[in-house]
Every structure is written in structure tokens, then in C-alpha cells.
Amino acid sequence: MRNWLLLAALASPMALAQSLIDVQSHTLLRLPATSSVLRVERLHVADHGTLLIPAGLTEMHVADLRLGRDARIAVAPGQQAFRLEVLRGEIAAGAQISVRGSPGSFVQPALPGRSLTIRLVDVLAPALLVDARGGMGTPGYVGLDGADGKPGGCTWGQASRGHDGLNGGDGHAGAGGGQVRLEVPMDFPLEHLQVLLDGGAGGAAGSGGGPGAGGASKGCWLYSTEHARGGRPGQAGQSGAAGPAGNLDIVRF
């Protein structure tokens, strides 16, 4: 009930400047895609809770942030950069902000880690993980199996050889890591920060198609023509290349 009231409040433009977002422990809350900019008076994600931010949201300004142990803010992949600005707050050990790209599929390519700017003004952070890794590449297509050969007659005719399996497709390259900009005060302990910028792994190679069976006579009683040879299996494709690493830019103020 509490989460439904929150979603109703966020749907109101007036509430966007003064909402309380409270994600309870071991629960997941997805923000509605009602605006590209969200201003929150207080954001609290309890231990092991997750806040999902839709791709259409590009800016989030938080007056007071509390991230519990192993809490997570996960930003959906997207082409537009995302900016998170926090005036004050406290981040517990194990908490993370994720802008990971998505893996490729046969419908769409892999997406890179989303470009991210984080501005922390007065925030206590014993540890913080920022995950901006790229998505894994699309796997290669599996080669088609070869067709079976045609059977010969029982006393005449020649069986045909099985067809070769087709080669598997090559995996696609992984997407690149994100571009991360961190704006922090001069005394912010950067040794407590971990940023993952690896490019996504290359897509797996497609396996080769199986060989077709050689033709063989069927239903013969005394005599049959010679059995034909089977085809050759297709060759597996090549694995895709890993995506390029992203970049971290640190600005102190």
C-alpha cells in the first residue's frame, strides 16, 4: 500500500519536487516514467533494497540520500546520459550505483554502460561501488544441420551423400564501458570508491550445424544398394571481441 501511494505521488508534477522515496529492506521499487527530471527531498533505500530508475529519467536531484548495506540504485540502459546530484547523505558498505549496459540479443545489439555524472556534496561514504560495465555481445547464430541424403533402391539406383552442416556465425563484439564523471569535495576519500568500467565480453561463437546422414535403402528384403556417406559437420564460428573500457573523470570542488 505504501509503495502504491508513493507511485501515485510521483505521478503528480507537484510531488516531483518534494517526494519521499522509501524502499524497504529486500524489496524492489521501480520509479514510473513520468518525467525526465526528478527532485526528491529524501531518498532512503534500506539494506538489500533496490531502486530501479527508468531509461527516460535523465536527472535526479536528491536533498538527503540514505543507502543501506548492499542497497542498490540501478539505472536502466539508455543512450542519454544520467546525472545524480546528492546534497547530503550516508552510504553504507556494499551499496552500489549501477548503470550497466544490457547484453545483446538477436533482436537488438548490446548496449554500453550508460554515461553517468555523480555529484556528491556532503556525503559520508565508507564504500561505494559504481558499475558502468558494457553489455555482453550478441552470440553467433547456430549453423543449420545438413539435410539427409536420398535413399537408393533395393536392387538399383544410388543413394546420395548427406549434406554438410552449415558453419556457425561469429559472436558480436561486446559493448563499451560507460563514461563516468565524479564530482566530489576535496576531502572526499577516493580510496573508498570502486568504479567498474570494463567493456562487455564478446558474444559466444555459434556452433556448427550437424551433418546430414547418408542415404540408405529402406524396406528391402534380400538386396539393397550401398549406404551413402554422411555429410561433414559445420565449423563453429569465432567468439566476439570484448568491448572497449569506459572512462573515469574525477572533478574536485
Protein backbone atom coordinates (compact mmCIF):
# COMPACT_ATOMS: atom_id res chain seq x y z
CA MET A 1 0.00 0.00 0.00
CA ARG A 2 2.84 2.34 0.87
CA ASN A 3 4.54 1.79 -2.46
CA TRP A 4 1.28 2.41 -4.36
CA LEU A 5 0.86 5.73 -2.56
CA LEU A 6 4.43 6.61 -3.49
CA LEU A 7 3.83 5.87 -7.16
CA ALA A 8 0.68 7.96 -7.15
CA ALA A 9 2.58 10.83 -5.56
CA LEU A 10 5.37 10.64 -8.12
CA ALA A 11 2.83 10.83 -10.94
CA SER A 12 1.96 14.36 -9.81
CA PRO A 13 4.30 17.09 -11.17
CA MET A 14 3.93 18.98 -7.90
CA ALA A 15 5.21 15.99 -5.94
CA LEU A 16 8.36 15.71 -8.04
CA ALA A 17 9.99 18.49 -6.04
CA GLN A 18 9.21 17.21 -2.55
CA SER A 19 8.60 13.44 -2.61
CA LEU A 20 9.84 10.90 -0.13
CA ILE A 21 11.03 7.66 -1.74
CA ASP A 22 11.35 4.81 0.74
CA VAL A 23 12.49 1.37 -0.48
CA GLN A 24 12.23 -1.15 2.30
CA SER A 25 14.70 -3.94 3.00
CA HIS A 26 14.83 -6.81 0.47
CA THR A 27 12.28 -5.14 -1.81
CA LEU A 28 12.43 -3.64 -5.28
CA LEU A 29 10.75 -0.42 -6.42
CA ARG A 30 10.63 0.86 -9.98
CA LEU A 31 10.05 4.57 -10.49
CA PRO A 32 7.34 5.49 -13.00
CA ALA A 33 8.46 7.10 -16.26
CA THR A 34 6.58 10.37 -15.72
CA SER A 35 9.35 12.93 -16.17
CA SER A 36 12.93 13.28 -17.36
CA VAL A 37 13.94 15.19 -14.20
CA LEU A 38 13.13 14.16 -10.65
CA ARG A 39 13.76 16.18 -7.47
CA VAL A 40 13.49 14.24 -4.22
CA GLU A 41 13.64 15.63 -0.72
CA ARG A 42 14.59 12.29 0.85
CA LEU A 43 15.59 9.01 -0.76
CA HIS A 44 16.01 6.02 1.54
CA VAL A 45 16.93 2.56 0.22
CA ALA A 46 17.17 0.13 3.12
CA ASP A 47 19.57 -2.82 3.40
CA HIS A 48 19.45 -5.08 0.31
CA GLY A 49 16.77 -2.92 -1.30
CA THR A 50 16.82 -1.88 -4.96
CA LEU A 51 15.52 1.26 -6.67
CA LEU A 52 15.08 0.91 -10.44
CA ILE A 53 15.28 4.10 -12.50
CA PRO A 54 13.68 4.03 -15.98
CA ALA A 55 15.63 4.88 -19.12
CA GLY A 56 13.64 8.08 -19.71
CA LEU A 57 14.85 9.70 -16.48
CA THR A 58 17.99 11.75 -17.15
CA GLU A 59 18.42 13.80 -13.94
CA MET A 60 17.80 13.05 -10.29
CA HIS A 61 18.42 15.64 -7.57
CA VAL A 62 18.32 14.33 -4.00
CA ALA A 63 18.44 16.55 -0.93
CA ASP A 64 19.03 13.67 1.50
CA LEU A 65 20.20 10.19 0.48
CA ARG A 66 20.45 7.09 2.68
CA LEU A 67 21.71 3.88 1.09
CA GLY A 68 21.76 0.88 3.40
CA ARG A 69 24.12 -2.08 3.35
CA ASP A 70 24.13 -3.75 -0.08
CA ALA A 71 21.43 -1.36 -1.26
CA ARG A 72 21.37 -0.54 -4.97
CA ILE A 73 20.28 2.20 -7.33
CA ALA A 74 20.02 0.65 -10.78
CA VAL A 75 19.63 2.90 -13.82
CA ALA A 76 18.18 1.32 -16.96
CA PRO A 77 20.42 1.30 -20.05
CA GLY A 78 19.87 4.20 -22.42
CA GLN A 79 21.50 6.48 -24.97
CA GLN A 80 21.12 9.66 -22.89
CA ALA A 81 23.48 10.49 -20.04
CA PHE A 82 22.19 10.28 -16.47
CA ARG A 83 23.04 12.78 -13.71
CA LEU A 84 22.66 12.11 -9.98
CA GLU A 85 23.19 15.02 -7.59
CA VAL A 86 23.16 14.49 -3.80
CA LEU A 87 23.40 17.36 -1.34
CA ARG A 88 23.87 15.30 1.82
CA GLY A 89 23.65 11.68 2.79
CA GLU A 90 25.18 8.48 4.03
CA ILE A 91 26.11 5.40 2.04
CA ALA A 92 26.71 2.10 3.83
CA ALA A 93 29.23 -0.59 2.88
CA GLY A 94 28.27 -2.73 -0.10
CA ALA A 95 25.96 -0.11 -1.62
CA GLN A 96 26.21 0.46 -5.35
CA ILE A 97 25.00 2.61 -8.21
CA SER A 98 24.65 0.64 -11.42
CA VAL A 99 24.43 1.95 -14.98
CA ARG A 100 25.39 -1.32 -16.67
CA GLY A 101 24.69 -1.86 -20.32
CA SER A 102 22.42 -4.66 -21.49
CA PRO A 103 23.51 -7.85 -23.30
CA GLY A 104 22.87 -8.17 -27.00
CA SER A 105 20.21 -10.43 -28.45
CA PHE A 106 19.15 -11.47 -31.94
CA VAL A 107 16.68 -8.56 -31.84
CA GLN A 108 18.95 -5.72 -30.66
CA PRO A 109 22.70 -5.17 -30.18
CA ALA A 110 24.43 -4.93 -26.83
CA LEU A 111 24.21 -1.54 -25.13
CA PRO A 112 27.18 0.20 -23.47
CA GLY A 113 27.31 1.29 -19.87
CA ARG A 114 25.27 4.47 -19.56
CA SER A 115 27.13 7.76 -19.29
CA LEU A 116 26.89 8.90 -15.68
CA THR A 117 27.66 12.04 -13.69
CA ILE A 118 27.52 11.81 -9.89
CA ARG A 119 27.85 14.92 -7.74
CA LEU A 120 28.21 14.27 -4.00
CA VAL A 121 28.28 17.44 -1.91
CA ASP A 122 28.20 16.36 1.74
CA VAL A 123 28.03 12.58 1.70
CA LEU A 124 29.61 10.06 4.07
CA ALA A 125 30.58 7.00 2.05
CA PRO A 126 32.73 4.32 3.74
CA ALA A 127 32.48 2.39 0.47
CA LEU A 128 30.72 2.89 -2.86
CA LEU A 129 30.66 0.75 -5.99
CA VAL A 130 29.77 2.29 -9.35
CA ASP A 131 29.12 -0.35 -12.02
CA ALA A 132 29.27 1.00 -15.58
CA ARG A 133 30.30 -2.14 -17.45
CA GLY A 134 29.17 -2.72 -21.02
CA GLY A 135 26.76 -5.41 -22.11
CA MET A 136 27.83 -8.77 -23.50
CA GLY A 137 27.81 -9.09 -27.28
CA THR A 138 25.16 -10.96 -29.22
CA PRO A 139 26.02 -14.64 -29.68
CA GLY A 140 26.57 -16.05 -33.14
CA TYR A 141 23.86 -17.98 -34.92
CA VAL A 142 23.92 -21.77 -34.73
CA GLY A 143 24.62 -23.34 -38.12
CA LEU A 144 21.80 -25.29 -39.77
CA ASP A 145 22.02 -29.07 -39.84
CA GLY A 146 22.77 -30.67 -43.16
CA ALA A 147 19.92 -32.44 -44.95
CA ASP A 148 19.94 -36.23 -45.14
CA GLY A 149 20.84 -37.93 -48.41
CA LYS A 150 18.21 -39.62 -50.57
CA PRO A 151 17.94 -43.41 -50.29
CA GLY A 152 18.73 -45.69 -53.18
CA GLY A 153 16.62 -48.58 -54.43
CA CYS A 154 16.82 -52.17 -53.24
CA THR A 155 18.46 -53.50 -56.40
CA TRP A 156 19.22 -50.40 -58.48
CA GLY A 157 19.74 -46.65 -58.05
CA GLN A 158 22.35 -44.90 -55.96
CA ALA A 159 21.88 -43.35 -52.53
CA SER A 160 23.04 -39.75 -52.25
CA ARG A 161 25.53 -38.41 -49.73
CA GLY A 162 24.34 -36.47 -46.69
CA HIS A 163 24.70 -32.71 -46.93
CA ASP A 164 27.25 -30.82 -44.84
CA GLY A 165 26.15 -28.84 -41.81
CA LEU A 166 26.45 -25.06 -42.15
CA ASN A 167 29.07 -23.14 -40.22
CA GLY A 168 28.07 -21.29 -37.07
CA GLY A 169 28.02 -17.49 -37.04
CA ASP A 170 30.59 -15.31 -35.32
CA GLY A 171 29.74 -13.72 -31.98
CA HIS A 172 29.35 -9.93 -31.97
CA ALA A 173 31.62 -7.57 -30.07
CA GLY A 174 30.70 -6.57 -26.53
CA ALA A 175 29.55 -3.02 -25.83
CA GLY A 176 31.87 -0.46 -24.29
CA GLY A 177 32.04 0.56 -20.65
CA GLY A 178 30.35 3.78 -19.59
CA GLN A 179 31.73 7.30 -19.29
CA VAL A 180 31.65 8.21 -15.58
CA ARG A 181 32.22 11.70 -14.15
CA LEU A 182 32.52 12.01 -10.38
CA GLU A 183 32.24 15.44 -8.76
CA VAL A 184 33.27 15.37 -5.08
CA PRO A 185 34.71 17.72 -2.43
CA MET A 186 38.45 17.98 -1.97
CA ASP A 187 38.38 15.84 1.19
CA PHE A 188 36.28 13.01 -0.26
CA PRO A 189 38.10 9.66 0.31
CA LEU A 190 38.57 8.34 -3.22
CA GLU A 191 40.14 5.15 -1.85
CA HIS A 192 36.63 4.14 -0.77
CA LEU A 193 35.36 4.31 -4.33
CA GLN A 194 35.35 1.41 -6.80
CA VAL A 195 34.33 2.02 -10.41
CA LEU A 196 33.86 -0.84 -12.89
CA LEU A 197 34.38 0.31 -16.48
CA ASP A 198 35.11 -2.92 -18.34
CA GLY A 199 33.69 -3.44 -21.80
CA GLY A 200 31.25 -6.29 -22.23
CA ALA A 201 32.52 -9.75 -23.12
CA GLY A 202 32.26 -10.77 -26.76
CA GLY A 203 29.32 -12.88 -27.83
CA ALA A 204 29.75 -16.64 -27.84
CA ALA A 205 30.56 -18.35 -31.12
CA GLY A 206 27.70 -20.12 -32.86
CA SER A 207 28.12 -23.88 -33.01
CA GLY A 208 28.27 -25.62 -36.38
CA GLY A 209 25.32 -27.49 -37.79
CA GLY A 210 25.20 -31.26 -37.56
CA PRO A 211 25.95 -33.42 -40.61
CA GLY A 212 23.20 -34.95 -42.70
CA ALA A 213 23.03 -38.74 -42.74
CA GLY A 214 23.88 -40.57 -45.93
CA GLY A 215 21.02 -42.08 -47.87
CA ALA A 216 20.21 -45.73 -47.16
CA SER A 217 17.80 -48.20 -48.70
CA LYS A 218 14.67 -48.89 -46.69
CA GLY A 219 12.29 -51.81 -46.60
CA CYS A 220 14.50 -54.11 -48.66
CA TRP A 221 14.29 -57.84 -48.03
CA LEU A 222 17.12 -59.67 -49.81
CA TYR A 223 19.11 -56.94 -51.51
CA SER A 224 19.80 -53.24 -51.00
CA THR A 225 22.03 -50.66 -52.63
CA GLU A 226 25.09 -49.36 -50.87
CA HIS A 227 24.67 -46.91 -48.00
CA ALA A 228 25.95 -43.40 -48.87
CA ARG A 229 28.37 -41.43 -46.75
CA GLY A 230 27.16 -38.84 -44.26
CA GLY A 231 27.96 -35.14 -44.59
CA ARG A 232 30.52 -33.17 -42.64
CA PRO A 233 29.60 -31.16 -39.53
CA GLY A 234 29.75 -27.39 -39.80
CA GLN A 235 32.53 -25.43 -38.17
CA ALA A 236 31.93 -23.28 -35.11
CA GLY A 237 32.16 -19.51 -35.59
CA GLN A 238 34.54 -17.14 -33.83
CA SER A 239 33.89 -15.58 -30.43
CA GLY A 240 33.24 -11.83 -30.48
CA ALA A 241 35.79 -9.31 -29.25
CA ALA A 242 35.43 -7.68 -25.83
CA GLY A 243 34.13 -4.12 -25.83
CA PRO A 244 36.41 -1.18 -25.03
CA ALA A 245 36.75 0.00 -21.44
CA GLY A 246 34.98 3.15 -20.31
CA ASN A 247 36.50 6.24 -18.73
CA LEU A 248 36.51 7.83 -15.26
CA ASP A 249 36.82 11.59 -14.82
CA ILE A 250 37.16 12.94 -11.27
CA VAL A 251 36.48 16.59 -10.51
CA ARG A 252 37.11 18.04 -7.05
CA PHE A 253 35.48 21.19 -5.76
